Protein backbone atom coordinates (compact mmCIF):
# COMPACT_ATOMS: atom_id res chain seq x y z
CA UNK A 1 163.42 99.25 119.50
CA UNK A 2 160.39 100.65 117.73
CA UNK A 3 157.14 98.84 118.25
CA UNK A 4 155.88 100.06 114.93
CA UNK A 5 157.12 100.36 111.32
CA UNK A 6 155.86 103.64 110.92
CA UNK A 7 157.94 105.06 113.73
CA UNK A 8 155.53 106.66 115.65
CA UNK A 9 154.95 104.45 118.15
CA UNK A 10 156.53 103.69 121.79
CA UNK A 11 160.56 103.31 121.71
CA UNK A 12 162.31 101.33 123.95
CA UNK A 13 166.24 101.36 124.71
CA UNK A 14 168.00 99.41 126.58
CA UNK A 15 170.14 101.29 129.09
CA UNK A 16 171.45 98.63 131.50
CA UNK A 17 171.36 94.87 130.86
CA UNK A 18 170.67 92.34 133.53
CA UNK A 19 173.78 90.45 132.53
CA UNK A 20 176.20 93.37 133.28
CA UNK A 21 175.02 94.28 137.10
CA UNK A 22 175.66 92.15 140.44
CA UNK A 23 172.10 91.71 141.12
CA UNK A 24 170.48 91.15 137.83
CA UNK A 25 168.78 94.29 137.63
CA UNK A 26 168.45 96.32 134.49
CA UNK A 27 166.93 99.30 133.17
CA UNK A 28 165.13 100.57 130.10
CA UNK A 29 163.98 104.01 128.47
CA UNK A 30 160.68 104.40 127.18
CA UNK A 31 159.41 107.16 125.02
CA UNK A 32 155.71 107.32 124.37
CA UNK A 33 154.92 109.43 121.56
CA UNK A 34 151.90 111.63 121.46
CA UNK A 35 148.54 109.74 120.55
CA UNK A 36 149.60 106.39 120.75
CA UNK A 37 146.61 103.92 121.64
CA UNK A 38 146.98 102.04 125.12
CA UNK A 39 145.85 98.67 126.31
CA UNK A 40 142.95 100.71 128.03
CA UNK A 41 141.13 102.77 125.58
CA UNK A 42 141.13 105.72 128.33
CA UNK A 43 144.67 105.32 129.36
CA UNK A 44 147.09 106.21 126.47
CA UNK A 45 150.20 104.37 125.75
CA UNK A 46 149.77 101.84 128.68
CA UNK A 47 150.05 98.22 129.03
CA UNK A 48 147.71 95.91 130.91
CA UNK A 49 147.55 96.44 134.98
CA UNK A 50 149.78 93.96 135.99
CA UNK A 51 151.67 93.19 139.13
CA UNK A 52 155.23 91.97 139.54
CA UNK A 53 155.70 89.07 141.59
CA UNK A 54 159.36 88.99 142.20
CA UNK A 55 160.72 92.63 141.06
CA UNK A 56 160.66 96.29 142.32
CA UNK A 57 159.91 98.86 139.81
CA UNK A 58 161.45 102.52 139.69
CA UNK A 59 160.27 104.65 137.48
CA UNK A 60 161.98 108.01 136.77
CA UNK A 61 160.71 110.81 134.12
CA UNK A 62 162.83 112.59 132.19
CA UNK A 63 160.37 114.82 130.01
CA UNK A 64 156.69 114.99 129.61
CA UNK A 65 153.80 114.03 132.24
CA UNK A 66 153.41 110.19 133.18
CA UNK A 67 150.38 108.99 134.98
CA UNK A 68 150.07 106.39 137.44
CA UNK A 69 147.86 104.01 139.08
CA UNK A 70 149.25 101.81 141.70
CA UNK A 71 146.58 99.74 143.90
CA UNK A 72 144.03 102.59 145.02
CA UNK A 73 146.43 105.35 144.46
CA UNK A 74 146.95 107.29 141.41
CA UNK A 75 149.04 110.49 140.74
CA UNK A 76 151.33 112.55 138.10
CA UNK A 77 154.84 112.53 137.23
CA UNK A 78 156.66 115.29 135.77
CA UNK A 79 160.28 115.47 134.61
CA UNK A 80 162.75 115.00 137.82
CA UNK A 81 160.17 112.80 139.68
CA UNK A 82 160.43 109.35 140.51
CA UNK A 83 158.04 106.70 141.64
CA UNK A 84 158.86 103.16 143.37
CA UNK A 85 156.59 100.29 142.52
CA UNK A 86 157.12 97.24 145.15
CA UNK A 87 156.76 93.91 143.71
CA UNK A 88 153.42 92.60 144.36
CA UNK A 89 151.80 95.96 143.84
CA UNK A 90 149.33 96.50 140.89
CA UNK A 91 149.73 99.11 138.75
CA UNK A 92 149.53 101.11 135.38
CA UNK A 93 151.71 103.63 133.63
CA UNK A 94 150.38 105.83 131.08
CA UNK A 95 151.15 109.34 129.00
CA UNK A 96 149.07 111.78 130.93
CA UNK A 97 149.17 114.33 128.15
CA UNK A 98 148.40 112.61 124.82
CA UNK A 99 149.27 115.74 123.11
CA UNK A 100 152.75 115.30 123.41
CA UNK A 101 155.51 112.66 124.30
CA UNK A 102 156.53 111.57 127.74
CA UNK A 103 160.17 109.94 128.06
CA UNK A 104 161.08 107.95 131.33
CA UNK A 105 163.14 105.31 132.03
CA UNK A 106 162.17 101.81 134.33
CA UNK A 107 164.50 100.05 136.78
CA UNK A 108 163.84 96.34 137.61
CA UNK A 109 165.37 94.82 140.56
CA UNK A 110 166.33 91.90 140.32
CA UNK A 111 165.89 91.61 136.52
CA UNK A 112 163.45 88.73 136.86
CA UNK A 113 163.38 85.62 134.33
CA UNK A 114 163.12 87.50 130.98
CA UNK A 115 165.09 91.04 132.40
CA UNK A 116 165.43 93.32 129.45
CA UNK A 117 163.92 90.96 126.91
CA UNK A 118 160.39 91.22 127.89
CA UNK A 119 160.28 94.86 126.31
CA UNK A 120 162.52 93.43 123.49
CA UNK A 121 159.65 90.77 123.12
CA UNK A 122 157.04 93.41 123.49
CA UNK A 123 158.51 95.59 120.87
CA UNK A 124 158.94 92.83 118.43
CA UNK A 125 155.15 91.97 118.95
CA UNK A 126 154.17 95.55 118.46
CA UNK A 127 156.08 95.71 115.20
CA UNK A 128 154.56 92.27 113.66
CA UNK A 129 151.14 93.64 114.37
CA UNK A 130 151.24 97.37 113.85
CA UNK A 131 150.86 98.48 117.16
CA UNK A 132 150.73 97.23 120.67
CA UNK A 133 147.16 97.36 121.08
CA UNK A 134 146.52 95.14 117.93
CA UNK A 135 149.15 92.13 119.66
CA UNK A 136 146.98 88.97 120.04
CA UNK A 137 145.67 88.65 123.65
CA UNK A 138 147.21 84.81 123.92
CA UNK A 139 150.63 86.25 123.09
CA UNK A 140 150.68 89.24 125.69
CA UNK A 141 149.22 86.38 128.39
CA UNK A 142 152.43 84.24 127.43
CA UNK A 143 154.74 87.19 127.31
CA UNK A 144 153.40 88.44 131.00
CA UNK A 145 153.62 85.06 132.44
CA UNK A 146 157.36 83.93 131.06
CA UNK A 147 158.19 87.42 132.90
CA UNK A 148 156.91 86.41 135.97
CA UNK A 149 154.14 88.80 135.95
CA UNK A 150 150.66 88.77 136.33
CA UNK A 151 147.74 90.90 135.23
CA UNK A 152 145.90 92.26 137.71
CA UNK A 153 142.58 92.59 135.18
CA UNK A 154 141.18 91.15 132.21
CA UNK A 155 141.00 93.73 130.03
CA UNK A 156 137.98 93.50 126.99
CA UNK A 157 140.46 92.48 124.16
CA UNK A 158 141.27 89.47 126.57
CA UNK A 159 137.91 88.50 127.26
CA UNK A 160 137.49 86.09 123.90
CA UNK A 161 140.75 84.50 124.86
CA UNK A 162 140.02 83.92 128.51
CA UNK A 163 138.03 80.30 127.78
CA UNK A 164 140.91 79.28 125.54
CA UNK A 165 143.80 80.06 127.57
CA UNK A 166 141.76 78.28 130.51
CA UNK A 167 141.35 75.22 128.27
CA UNK A 168 144.93 75.30 127.20
CA UNK A 169 145.96 75.03 130.91
CA UNK A 170 143.91 72.22 131.94
CA UNK A 171 144.93 70.30 128.91
CA UNK A 172 148.71 70.90 129.63
CA UNK A 173 148.16 69.61 133.51
CA UNK A 174 146.04 66.65 132.28
CA UNK A 175 148.93 65.71 129.50
CA UNK A 176 151.61 66.08 132.56
CA UNK A 177 149.59 64.16 135.25
CA UNK A 178 151.98 61.22 135.26
CA UNK A 179 154.40 63.96 136.61
CA UNK A 180 152.02 65.18 139.22
CA UNK A 181 151.71 62.89 142.07
CA UNK A 182 150.79 65.51 144.72
CA UNK A 183 147.77 66.45 146.66
CA UNK A 184 147.73 69.80 148.65
CA UNK A 185 149.33 69.85 152.65
CA UNK A 186 147.25 72.38 153.62
CA UNK A 187 144.45 74.60 152.46
CA UNK A 188 143.86 77.93 152.81
CA UNK A 189 140.14 77.74 153.43
CA UNK A 190 138.82 81.22 152.97
CA UNK A 191 136.63 83.07 154.02
CA UNK A 192 136.25 85.47 150.43
CA UNK A 193 137.82 88.95 151.01
CA UNK A 194 140.02 88.02 153.85
CA UNK A 195 143.25 88.13 152.75
CA UNK A 196 143.45 84.71 151.21
CA UNK A 197 145.54 86.13 148.29
CA UNK A 198 147.61 88.01 150.10
CA UNK A 199 148.48 85.38 152.50
CA UNK A 200 148.62 82.75 149.75
CA UNK A 201 151.58 85.35 148.01
CA UNK A 202 153.73 85.53 151.02
CA UNK A 203 153.47 81.76 151.66
CA UNK A 204 154.82 81.14 148.01
CA UNK A 205 157.83 83.28 148.75
CA UNK A 206 159.08 80.42 150.63
CA UNK A 207 161.78 77.92 149.17
CA UNK A 208 159.87 75.41 150.06
CA UNK A 209 156.01 75.99 149.42
CA UNK A 210 154.18 75.86 146.24
CA UNK A 211 150.67 76.85 145.26
CA UNK A 212 148.64 75.24 142.32
CA UNK A 213 150.16 74.90 138.99
CA UNK A 214 147.61 77.97 138.09
CA UNK A 215 146.52 79.74 135.17
CA UNK A 216 149.07 82.35 133.58
CA UNK A 217 147.72 85.83 133.54
CA UNK A 218 145.21 85.58 136.39
CA UNK A 219 145.46 86.46 140.09
CA UNK A 220 142.50 84.27 141.05
CA UNK A 221 142.69 81.32 138.98
CA UNK A 222 146.53 81.32 139.50
CA UNK A 223 146.03 80.45 143.41
CA UNK A 224 142.92 79.03 143.57
CA UNK A 225 141.95 75.29 141.85
CA UNK A 226 138.40 75.73 142.39
CA UNK A 227 138.28 72.24 142.25
CA UNK A 228 135.49 71.09 144.88
CA UNK A 229 133.33 74.08 143.13
CA UNK A 230 132.99 71.97 139.93
CA UNK A 231 136.03 73.61 138.08
CA UNK A 232 136.46 70.13 136.19
CA UNK A 233 132.64 69.11 136.22
CA UNK A 234 129.72 68.61 138.48
CA UNK A 235 130.99 64.97 138.89
CA UNK A 236 134.34 65.28 139.38
CA UNK A 237 135.16 66.69 142.62
CA UNK A 238 135.93 63.47 144.33
CA UNK A 239 138.49 62.29 142.00
CA UNK A 240 141.89 62.25 143.72
CA UNK A 241 143.42 61.85 139.92
CA UNK A 242 141.82 64.83 138.73
CA UNK A 243 142.92 66.83 141.66
CA UNK A 244 146.63 65.92 141.59
CA UNK A 245 146.54 67.49 138.04
CA UNK A 246 146.40 71.27 139.74
CA UNK A 247 149.86 70.58 141.57
CA UNK A 248 153.12 71.08 140.73
CA UNK A 249 155.20 68.10 139.14
CA UNK A 250 158.27 65.98 140.49
CA UNK A 251 160.49 68.53 138.94
CA UNK A 252 158.99 71.34 141.52
CA UNK A 253 159.74 69.03 144.44
CA UNK A 254 163.20 67.86 143.42
CA UNK A 255 164.56 71.34 142.56
CA UNK A 256 163.38 72.49 146.28
CA UNK A 257 164.20 69.67 148.33
CA UNK A 258 167.73 68.54 146.45
CA UNK A 259 168.97 71.69 144.46
CA UNK A 260 167.57 74.49 146.88
CA UNK A 261 168.30 72.14 150.04
CA UNK A 262 164.63 72.57 151.94
CA UNK A 263 163.93 69.85 154.49
CA UNK A 264 160.19 69.22 153.27
CA UNK A 265 158.61 70.53 150.57
CA UNK A 266 154.65 71.28 150.56
CA UNK A 267 151.82 72.43 148.19
CA UNK A 268 149.00 74.21 148.97
CA UNK A 269 145.47 75.23 147.66
CA UNK A 270 144.03 78.43 148.69
CA UNK A 271 140.32 78.89 147.70
CA UNK A 272 138.15 81.21 149.70
CA UNK A 273 135.05 79.37 148.74
CA UNK A 274 135.88 76.31 150.26
CA UNK A 275 135.03 76.98 153.92
CA UNK A 276 131.59 78.41 152.64
CA UNK A 277 130.42 75.32 151.15
CA UNK A 278 129.19 72.80 153.56
CA UNK A 279 129.93 69.81 151.75
CA UNK A 280 133.59 70.40 150.86
CA UNK A 281 134.95 69.40 154.19
CA UNK A 282 134.04 65.77 153.83
CA UNK A 283 135.14 66.21 150.05
CA UNK A 284 138.76 67.35 151.13
CA UNK A 285 138.77 65.12 154.21
CA UNK A 286 138.23 62.14 151.81
CA UNK A 287 141.15 63.08 149.52
CA UNK A 288 143.56 64.69 152.22
CA UNK A 289 142.71 62.97 155.62
CA UNK A 290 145.86 64.53 156.81
CA UNK A 291 145.99 67.82 155.67
CA UNK A 292 146.24 71.09 157.48
CA UNK A 293 143.91 73.89 157.50
CA UNK A 294 144.08 77.89 157.67
CA UNK A 295 141.53 80.13 158.11
CA UNK A 296 141.23 83.52 157.77
CA UNK A 297 138.47 85.64 159.11
CA UNK A 298 137.26 89.47 159.15
CA UNK A 299 134.21 91.50 159.94
CA UNK A 300 131.59 89.22 157.89
CA UNK A 301 129.33 92.24 157.14
CA UNK A 302 132.60 93.87 155.64
CA UNK A 303 133.32 90.54 153.61
CA UNK A 304 129.83 90.61 152.14
CA UNK A 305 129.84 94.43 150.96
CA UNK A 306 133.64 93.62 149.76
CA UNK A 307 132.20 90.30 147.72
CA UNK A 308 129.41 92.57 146.28
CA UNK A 309 131.89 95.79 145.22
CA UNK A 310 134.22 92.72 143.40
CA UNK A 311 131.25 91.21 141.60
CA UNK A 312 130.14 94.66 140.24
CA UNK A 313 133.48 95.81 139.22
CA UNK A 314 133.34 92.42 137.19
CA UNK A 315 130.11 93.72 135.24
CA UNK A 316 127.97 91.28 137.30
CA UNK A 317 124.59 92.76 137.30
CA UNK A 318 123.47 91.87 141.27
CA UNK A 319 119.51 92.44 141.80
CA UNK A 320 120.77 93.66 145.41
CA UNK A 321 123.00 96.04 147.21
CA UNK A 322 124.36 97.31 150.65
CA UNK A 323 124.37 100.70 149.63
CA UNK A 324 121.18 101.80 150.43
CA UNK A 325 119.54 102.34 153.71
CA UNK A 326 117.71 99.63 155.60
CA UNK A 327 113.92 99.83 155.32
CA UNK A 328 112.45 99.67 158.80
CA UNK A 329 109.58 97.38 160.62
CA UNK A 330 109.41 93.64 160.75
CA UNK A 331 106.96 90.93 159.43
CA UNK A 332 104.66 89.05 161.45
CA UNK A 333 107.59 86.40 161.85
CA UNK A 334 109.75 89.34 163.45
CA UNK A 335 111.89 89.36 160.45
CA UNK A 336 113.05 92.32 158.88
CA UNK A 337 110.59 93.83 156.16
CA UNK A 338 113.61 94.79 154.07
CA UNK A 339 112.72 93.13 150.42
CA UNK A 340 116.90 92.47 150.34
CA UNK A 341 116.44 90.31 153.36
CA UNK A 342 113.23 88.75 152.66
CA UNK A 343 114.21 85.49 150.92
CA UNK A 344 112.09 82.69 149.02
CA UNK A 345 111.70 79.40 150.58
CA UNK A 346 113.84 77.62 148.25
CA UNK A 347 116.77 79.89 149.20
CA UNK A 348 116.94 77.68 152.58
CA UNK A 349 116.42 74.34 150.90
CA UNK A 350 119.19 75.04 148.19
CA UNK A 351 121.33 75.69 151.37
CA UNK A 352 120.19 72.50 152.98
CA UNK A 353 120.83 70.55 149.65
CA UNK A 354 124.49 71.60 149.93
CA UNK A 355 124.65 70.57 153.53
CA UNK A 356 123.22 67.04 152.74
CA UNK A 357 125.46 66.41 149.39
CA UNK A 358 127.63 63.43 149.89
CA UNK A 359 131.33 63.42 148.49
CA UNK A 360 130.59 61.00 145.40
CA UNK A 361 127.35 62.78 144.43
CA UNK A 362 127.54 65.63 141.38
CA UNK A 363 127.16 69.21 142.49
CA UNK A 364 123.63 70.64 142.00
CA UNK A 365 123.39 71.90 138.43
CA UNK A 366 122.50 75.43 139.75
CA UNK A 367 124.90 75.90 142.14
CA UNK A 368 127.30 78.46 140.54
CA UNK A 369 124.65 80.85 139.93
CA UNK A 370 122.93 80.17 142.82
CA UNK A 371 126.00 80.62 145.43
CA UNK A 372 127.70 83.28 143.41
CA UNK A 373 125.04 86.24 142.87
CA UNK A 374 122.36 85.82 145.60
CA UNK A 375 122.88 87.82 148.86
CA UNK A 376 121.19 84.88 150.93
CA UNK A 377 124.64 82.66 150.17
CA UNK A 378 126.92 85.57 151.21
CA UNK A 379 125.27 86.02 153.93
CA UNK A 380 124.97 82.10 154.99
CA UNK A 381 128.75 82.17 154.32
CA UNK A 382 129.59 84.92 156.68
CA UNK A 383 128.50 82.85 159.45
CA UNK A 384 131.71 81.98 160.20
CA UNK A 385 131.05 79.50 163.11
CA UNK A 386 128.68 77.63 161.29
CA UNK A 387 130.75 77.08 157.91
CA UNK A 388 133.59 75.90 160.07
CA UNK A 389 131.80 73.08 162.05
CA UNK A 390 132.19 70.44 159.65
CA UNK A 391 135.96 70.98 158.86
CA UNK A 392 136.36 71.15 162.77
CA UNK A 393 134.42 67.81 163.03
CA UNK A 394 136.48 66.20 159.88
CA UNK A 395 140.03 67.22 160.62
CA UNK A 396 140.13 68.24 164.50
CA UNK A 397 140.69 71.76 166.00
CA UNK A 398 144.37 70.74 166.46
CA UNK A 399 144.51 70.86 162.56
CA UNK A 400 142.75 74.28 162.17
CA UNK A 401 144.35 77.51 162.56
CA UNK A 402 142.23 80.75 162.35
CA UNK A 403 144.18 83.98 161.45
CA UNK A 404 142.09 87.29 162.20
CA UNK A 405 142.43 89.47 158.96
CA UNK A 406 143.13 92.49 160.99
CA UNK A 407 146.35 90.69 162.91
CA UNK A 408 147.81 89.92 159.54
CA UNK A 409 147.55 93.51 158.10
CA UNK A 410 149.07 94.97 161.26
CA UNK A 411 151.63 92.25 161.50
CA UNK A 412 152.01 90.41 158.47
CA UNK A 413 155.48 88.58 159.22
CA UNK A 414 154.53 87.31 162.50
CA UNK A 415 151.03 86.08 161.14
CA UNK A 416 152.95 84.51 158.13
CA UNK A 417 155.70 83.05 159.94
CA UNK A 418 152.74 81.68 162.57
CA UNK A 419 151.32 79.70 159.44
CA UNK A 420 154.63 78.64 158.38
CA UNK A 421 155.19 76.85 162.05
CA UNK A 422 151.55 75.59 161.98
CA UNK A 423 152.18 73.71 158.36
CA UNK A 424 155.41 72.26 159.07
CA UNK A 425 157.59 74.49 157.11
CA UNK A 426 161.36 75.24 157.79
CA UNK A 427 160.70 78.90 158.96
CA UNK A 428 164.54 79.58 159.21
CA UNK A 429 164.38 79.33 155.12
CA UNK A 430 162.20 82.12 154.83
CA UNK A 431 162.68 86.03 154.16
CA UNK A 432 160.29 88.15 154.78
CA UNK A 433 159.53 90.82 152.47
CA UNK A 434 156.62 93.30 152.67
CA UNK A 435 154.40 92.94 149.78
CA UNK A 436 151.68 95.12 148.40
CA UNK A 437 147.77 93.89 149.24
CA UNK A 438 146.55 91.32 146.48
CA UNK A 439 142.87 91.63 144.87
CA UNK A 440 142.23 94.89 147.00
CA UNK A 441 138.47 95.89 146.70
CA UNK A 442 137.85 98.97 144.36
CA UNK A 443 135.14 100.88 145.82
CA UNK A 444 135.43 103.87 143.94
CA UNK A 445 133.57 105.80 146.62
CA UNK A 446 130.67 103.43 147.37
CA UNK A 447 130.27 102.40 151.17
CA UNK A 448 127.89 100.13 152.72
CA UNK A 449 125.01 101.78 154.44
CA UNK A 450 125.77 102.26 158.36
CA UNK A 451 121.84 100.85 159.07
CA UNK A 452 122.45 97.99 157.08
CA UNK A 453 126.19 97.13 158.76
CA UNK A 454 124.46 97.54 162.14
CA UNK A 455 121.34 95.44 161.39
CA UNK A 456 123.51 92.56 159.59
CA UNK A 457 126.19 92.75 162.89
CA UNK A 458 122.90 92.39 165.46
CA UNK A 459 120.37 89.88 163.24
CA UNK A 460 122.66 87.79 161.03
CA UNK A 461 126.14 87.72 162.64
CA UNK A 462 126.19 88.23 166.40
CA UNK A 463 126.50 84.77 167.81
CA UNK A 464 128.78 83.78 164.93
CA UNK A 465 131.12 86.34 166.17
CA UNK A 466 130.99 85.71 169.14
CA UNK A 467 131.89 82.25 168.88
CA UNK A 468 134.72 83.24 166.48
CA UNK A 469 136.23 85.71 169.08
CA UNK A 470 136.33 83.04 171.56
CA UNK A 471 138.02 80.79 168.73
CA UNK A 472 140.57 83.52 168.08
CA UNK A 473 141.19 83.74 172.06
CA UNK A 474 141.87 80.05 172.72
CA UNK A 475 138.51 79.39 173.73
CA UNK A 476 138.16 81.75 176.23
CA UNK A 477 134.68 83.52 176.16
CA UNK A 478 134.98 86.98 174.28
CA UNK A 479 132.82 90.12 173.18
CA UNK A 480 131.97 89.86 169.45
CA UNK A 481 134.81 90.25 167.30
CA UNK A 482 133.12 92.57 165.15
CA UNK A 483 132.33 95.50 164.60
């Protein structure tokens, strides 16, 4: 199968079809010819970075030089070399020597919904559009989603289609609203950059648990509704009807409980900003009074820096950075004289507005810009103990499970089973399989300056960290959880 009519692009040849193997696995031979453009202009003969949700991928090179990027690792394969890409691992393959061809095979186990038809579809689209890099972006999104594959980034060629794809997703959910009677049984509240994406991925592997009906091809909007953050409008965050549109249809529940025999099907919303916004607890209580709450915590200073790194990698022009040294000295009030931590008076006023906001009131018009780009908001969000108090007041301590990010990384299976038990899922139906970390920070050599980290721990987070350490220890006073 050629992806160009001129025969100078990429050739795909099916070696083994999924229908002919006991486990549904398949393999395809790929010939990347010299000077073939990739979806990334810097990576010849590359597809968009992606994650296979349910398939392991094995790559074997027969000739040439194949470059690979897997998470934060990168390397080079030559003739005779192989690479295993575990399900859940973000990755890209490309021709490392664009002056010559590279020949390699890809095997997927199990095959997934489309199996080898994914490559047949890819070649067909390339043929229609003359080359892969000219395919209409929406068709790429649809093909990836049909193959249970998630894009890990949004390349420049997809930017114009993002809003349209989002609107199509919202419209489809609203049109099927009569089939969507469910609200979440539990929340993964946050905090940002604490492993919420990875935990959500592990939980969705349970046959009786579903996340939101998210946007195809987008890792964040595939798991996070952002409903209480105004995703459907500033005045819509109190509508149970509109919130139902984010969750699966009755067919999903029927399939889990009737066909698969799960005793109790559950759905959840995993949105890391919910724990940060002080008004959300009252909104969630009004719509889902019996919901369980799962909260992930980590060193808040490290979390703020991880958020900064993510925003910069997305192209957000931030007026602050935690990478430079601390400006020493204090002002008359005893506060740091470092300009980064000299906040205007309206910063506290904005936070107070959020705290006073009632469940039925419209969200502040300036909230997205103020919350997502101002350092003050990230520091306030990192005071975990303060942010959790409204949730404890609304739902009670028995309905809140605190998960330490360090424990989750060290013992993922034990942590996932603890969460499943807490939310009332049947743990006997869960088969754990190690997954690669999701939405891993791409630091590219950047690091938070040690002086800044030390100052934040001592001046912004000390009392909150001590309170969180006490909660993690079951109410027993402990030293600070971090650093």
